[in-house]
């Protein structure tokens, strides 16, 4: 890899779709579970509606649907996702090399709950590279696409937004990062972008750069 530029002071990584190749797995679980309750929503539709969003977005979307009982649905979804992760979850190719060579502080800011983030990083061997520098939507009033989570993470890491770099794979995440006044790089190397034009979507959302291989993390910078 080429040497990095003089900035940033902090790099914030999203988890799902950036550190771990989880989006196809979690979207399949959500589609399956909704189908079992008579709510037809294909995996592509799940991606369009909920990629990068917290469970609050899911609850809001189905708040008037009597077939959707949050009290039972969310625990069952979490259980199914974690089981699927334990069987199939893989790290994004090349991410460990990127993280191990960073000389700027880094942390995670994810829409997933803290238990899921911890499990994902543990399963893929990435947990030691972040320690307890994990921030989730549970910790703020408003999740992505609001800027709250990124601003909270930067404050905890004692970094200013203007010198913070965000790595995101979703439109909601890119939107949140730009709203926080940060530089945002979109990543489209996850499995969920194999049949979708992720570059166009993330650039339209405001990404400063979009790339599809972690091996190219600093290329051209």
Protein backbone atom coordinates (compact mmCIF):
# COMPACT_ATOMS: atom_id res chain seq x y z
CA UNK A 1 0.00 0.00 0.00
CA UNK A 2 1.06 3.56 -0.61
CA UNK A 3 1.71 5.85 2.33
CA UNK A 4 -1.26 7.73 3.70
CA UNK A 5 -1.68 11.52 3.55
CA UNK A 6 -1.02 13.79 6.54
CA UNK A 7 -4.64 13.56 7.65
CA UNK A 8 -6.93 12.22 9.07
CA UNK A 9 -6.73 12.41 12.84
CA UNK A 10 -9.37 9.68 13.14
CA UNK A 11 -10.81 7.00 10.86
CA UNK A 12 -14.31 5.74 11.62
CA UNK A 13 -15.29 2.42 10.08
CA UNK A 14 -18.81 1.18 9.65
CA UNK A 15 -18.97 -2.52 10.52
CA UNK A 16 -21.44 -4.37 8.28
CA UNK A 17 -20.31 -4.32 4.67
CA UNK A 18 -17.03 -2.54 5.48
CA UNK A 19 -15.26 -4.68 8.07
CA UNK A 20 -17.31 -7.86 7.72
CA UNK A 21 -19.17 -9.20 4.68
CA UNK A 22 -22.44 -9.49 6.54
CA UNK A 23 -25.10 -7.61 4.61
CA UNK A 24 -26.20 -10.48 2.35
CA UNK A 25 -26.47 -12.77 5.38
CA UNK A 26 -28.44 -10.35 7.56
CA UNK A 27 -30.72 -9.25 4.73
CA UNK A 28 -31.53 -12.88 3.93
CA UNK A 29 -32.44 -13.48 7.58
CA UNK A 30 -34.72 -10.44 7.65
CA UNK A 31 -36.43 -11.43 4.39
CA UNK A 32 -36.97 -14.99 5.65
CA UNK A 33 -38.39 -13.93 8.98
CA UNK A 34 -40.76 -11.39 7.45
CA UNK A 35 -41.93 -14.05 4.99
CA UNK A 36 -42.75 -16.40 7.85
CA UNK A 37 -45.12 -13.72 9.11
CA UNK A 38 -46.79 -13.24 5.75
CA UNK A 39 -44.84 -10.10 4.84
CA UNK A 40 -43.27 -10.59 1.43
CA UNK A 41 -40.05 -8.60 1.08
CA UNK A 42 -37.26 -9.89 -1.13
CA UNK A 43 -33.61 -9.57 -0.23
CA UNK A 44 -33.07 -6.83 -2.81
CA UNK A 45 -35.94 -4.86 -1.29
CA UNK A 46 -34.49 -5.36 2.18
CA UNK A 47 -31.22 -3.87 0.95
CA UNK A 48 -33.01 -0.88 -0.58
CA UNK A 49 -35.05 -0.16 2.54
CA UNK A 50 -32.81 -1.04 5.46
CA UNK A 51 -29.15 -1.15 4.40
CA UNK A 52 -27.14 0.75 6.97
CA UNK A 53 -30.19 1.47 9.12
CA UNK A 54 -30.85 0.53 12.73
CA UNK A 55 -33.71 -1.59 14.05
CA UNK A 56 -35.52 1.67 14.82
CA UNK A 57 -35.99 2.13 11.06
CA UNK A 58 -37.44 -1.38 10.82
CA UNK A 59 -39.83 -0.70 13.68
CA UNK A 60 -40.94 2.59 12.14
CA UNK A 61 -41.54 0.99 8.74
CA UNK A 62 -43.81 -1.74 10.14
CA UNK A 63 -45.37 0.12 13.06
CA UNK A 64 -48.88 -0.10 11.57
CA UNK A 65 -48.62 -3.70 10.36
CA UNK A 66 -50.37 -6.05 12.79
CA UNK A 67 -48.38 -9.00 11.48
CA UNK A 68 -45.23 -7.42 12.86
CA UNK A 69 -44.81 -7.88 16.62
CA UNK A 70 -41.59 -6.16 17.62
CA UNK A 71 -41.51 -7.88 21.01
CA UNK A 72 -41.03 -11.28 19.39
CA UNK A 73 -39.63 -10.32 15.98
CA UNK A 74 -36.49 -8.48 17.04
CA UNK A 75 -35.15 -11.15 19.45
CA UNK A 76 -35.81 -13.86 16.86
CA UNK A 77 -34.13 -11.81 14.14
CA UNK A 78 -31.07 -11.21 16.32
CA UNK A 79 -30.83 -14.90 17.17
CA UNK A 80 -31.12 -15.97 13.55
CA UNK A 81 -28.60 -13.41 12.32
CA UNK A 82 -26.02 -14.37 14.94
CA UNK A 83 -26.47 -18.05 14.14
CA UNK A 84 -26.00 -17.35 10.43
CA UNK A 85 -22.94 -15.27 11.23
CA UNK A 86 -21.41 -18.06 13.31
CA UNK A 87 -21.76 -20.37 10.30
CA UNK A 88 -20.85 -18.12 7.39
CA UNK A 89 -19.50 -14.68 8.33
CA UNK A 90 -16.20 -13.63 6.75
CA UNK A 91 -14.12 -10.44 7.05
CA UNK A 92 -13.96 -8.14 4.05
CA UNK A 93 -10.96 -9.22 1.98
CA UNK A 94 -7.87 -7.18 2.83
CA UNK A 95 -9.36 -5.33 5.80
CA UNK A 96 -6.99 -6.82 8.38
CA UNK A 97 -3.97 -5.60 6.41
CA UNK A 98 -5.45 -2.10 6.22
CA UNK A 99 -6.20 -1.96 9.94
CA UNK A 100 -2.86 -3.35 11.00
CA UNK A 101 -0.99 -0.71 8.97
CA UNK A 102 -2.95 2.36 10.04
CA UNK A 103 -1.04 4.99 11.96
CA UNK A 104 -4.15 7.04 12.71
CA UNK A 105 -6.57 6.14 15.52
CA UNK A 106 -9.64 4.21 14.37
CA UNK A 107 -12.97 3.11 15.77
CA UNK A 108 -16.26 1.53 14.72
CA UNK A 109 -19.59 3.35 14.38
CA UNK A 110 -22.39 0.95 13.46
CA UNK A 111 -26.17 0.89 13.19
CA UNK A 112 -26.13 -2.66 14.55
CA UNK A 113 -26.44 -3.27 18.28
CA UNK A 114 -23.30 -3.60 20.37
CA UNK A 115 -23.64 -7.36 20.92
CA UNK A 116 -23.81 -7.98 17.19
CA UNK A 117 -20.81 -5.75 16.46
CA UNK A 118 -18.75 -7.47 19.13
CA UNK A 119 -19.74 -10.92 17.86
CA UNK A 120 -19.01 -9.98 14.26
CA UNK A 121 -15.54 -8.71 15.07
CA UNK A 122 -14.77 -11.68 17.30
CA UNK A 123 -15.87 -14.22 14.68
CA UNK A 124 -13.68 -12.61 12.03
CA UNK A 125 -10.63 -12.06 14.22
CA UNK A 126 -10.84 -8.27 14.01
CA UNK A 127 -11.81 -7.57 17.63
CA UNK A 128 -8.25 -6.98 18.93
CA UNK A 129 -7.72 -4.26 16.32
CA UNK A 130 -10.51 -2.11 17.84
CA UNK A 131 -10.66 -3.02 21.52
CA UNK A 132 -13.52 -1.14 23.16
CA UNK A 133 -13.62 1.62 20.53
CA UNK A 134 -17.07 0.51 19.40
CA UNK A 135 -19.99 2.95 19.06
CA UNK A 136 -23.50 2.00 18.01
CA UNK A 137 -26.89 3.51 17.30
CA UNK A 138 -28.00 2.45 20.79
CA UNK A 139 -25.79 5.18 22.19
CA UNK A 140 -27.42 8.17 20.46
CA UNK A 141 -30.89 9.62 20.01
CA UNK A 142 -30.97 9.30 16.23
CA UNK A 143 -29.27 6.71 14.07
CA UNK A 144 -27.97 7.07 10.51
CA UNK A 145 -28.73 8.99 8.28
CA UNK A 146 -28.63 11.53 11.14
CA UNK A 147 -25.06 12.59 12.03
CA UNK A 148 -25.43 11.84 15.74
CA UNK A 149 -23.50 8.56 15.83
CA UNK A 150 -20.47 9.85 13.92
CA UNK A 151 -20.35 13.02 16.00
CA UNK A 152 -20.59 10.96 19.18
CA UNK A 153 -17.80 8.62 18.05
CA UNK A 154 -15.53 11.53 17.14
CA UNK A 155 -16.19 13.21 20.49
CA UNK A 156 -15.37 10.01 22.36
CA UNK A 157 -12.16 9.71 20.35
CA UNK A 158 -11.34 13.41 20.93
CA UNK A 159 -11.24 14.20 17.21
CA UNK A 160 -12.76 17.10 15.29
CA UNK A 161 -15.18 16.23 12.48
CA UNK A 162 -13.25 18.20 9.86
CA UNK A 163 -10.22 15.92 10.32
CA UNK A 164 -12.19 12.68 10.53
CA UNK A 165 -12.51 10.13 7.72
CA UNK A 166 -15.53 7.83 7.55
CA UNK A 167 -15.61 4.54 5.62
CA UNK A 168 -19.18 3.59 4.72
CA UNK A 169 -21.03 1.24 2.38
CA UNK A 170 -24.57 2.60 2.60
CA UNK A 171 -26.40 5.69 1.42
CA UNK A 172 -27.63 6.36 4.96
CA UNK A 173 -24.09 6.09 6.30
CA UNK A 174 -22.62 8.38 3.66
CA UNK A 175 -25.41 10.89 4.31
CA UNK A 176 -24.72 10.75 8.05
CA UNK A 177 -20.99 11.23 7.63
CA UNK A 178 -21.37 14.23 5.34
CA UNK A 179 -23.99 15.76 7.66
CA UNK A 180 -21.41 15.43 10.46
CA UNK A 181 -18.96 17.52 8.42
CA UNK A 182 -16.59 14.61 7.79
CA UNK A 183 -14.83 13.26 4.71
CA UNK A 184 -16.56 10.08 3.57
CA UNK A 185 -15.22 7.29 1.41
CA UNK A 186 -17.76 4.83 0.08
CA UNK A 187 -16.81 1.16 -0.06
CA UNK A 188 -18.57 -1.13 -2.55
CA UNK A 189 -16.57 -4.33 -2.20
CA UNK A 190 -19.13 -6.23 -0.13
CA UNK A 191 -21.17 -9.10 -1.59
CA UNK A 192 -24.34 -7.03 -1.53
CA UNK A 193 -22.95 -4.83 -4.32
CA UNK A 194 -22.17 -7.60 -6.80
CA UNK A 195 -25.36 -6.92 -8.78
CA UNK A 196 -25.93 -3.25 -7.89
CA UNK A 197 -24.35 0.02 -8.99
CA UNK A 198 -23.10 1.04 -5.59
CA UNK A 199 -20.69 3.65 -6.93
CA UNK A 200 -23.43 5.78 -8.44
CA UNK A 201 -25.58 5.57 -5.31
CA UNK A 202 -22.82 6.52 -2.90
CA UNK A 203 -21.49 9.34 -5.06
CA UNK A 204 -25.03 10.69 -5.34
CA UNK A 205 -25.31 10.55 -1.55
CA UNK A 206 -22.21 12.74 -1.29
CA UNK A 207 -19.25 10.37 -0.98
CA UNK A 208 -15.92 12.07 -1.60
CA UNK A 209 -14.49 8.88 -3.06
CA UNK A 210 -15.74 5.35 -3.79
CA UNK A 211 -13.53 2.26 -3.99
CA UNK A 212 -14.11 -1.49 -4.17
CA UNK A 213 -10.91 -3.14 -2.87
CA UNK A 214 -9.32 -2.68 0.52
CA UNK A 215 -5.97 -3.16 -1.20
CA UNK A 216 -6.64 0.25 -2.80
CA UNK A 217 -7.45 1.95 0.50
CA UNK A 218 -4.87 4.74 0.14
CA UNK A 219 -4.41 4.56 -3.63
CA UNK A 220 -4.58 7.95 -5.30
CA UNK A 221 -4.66 9.80 -2.00
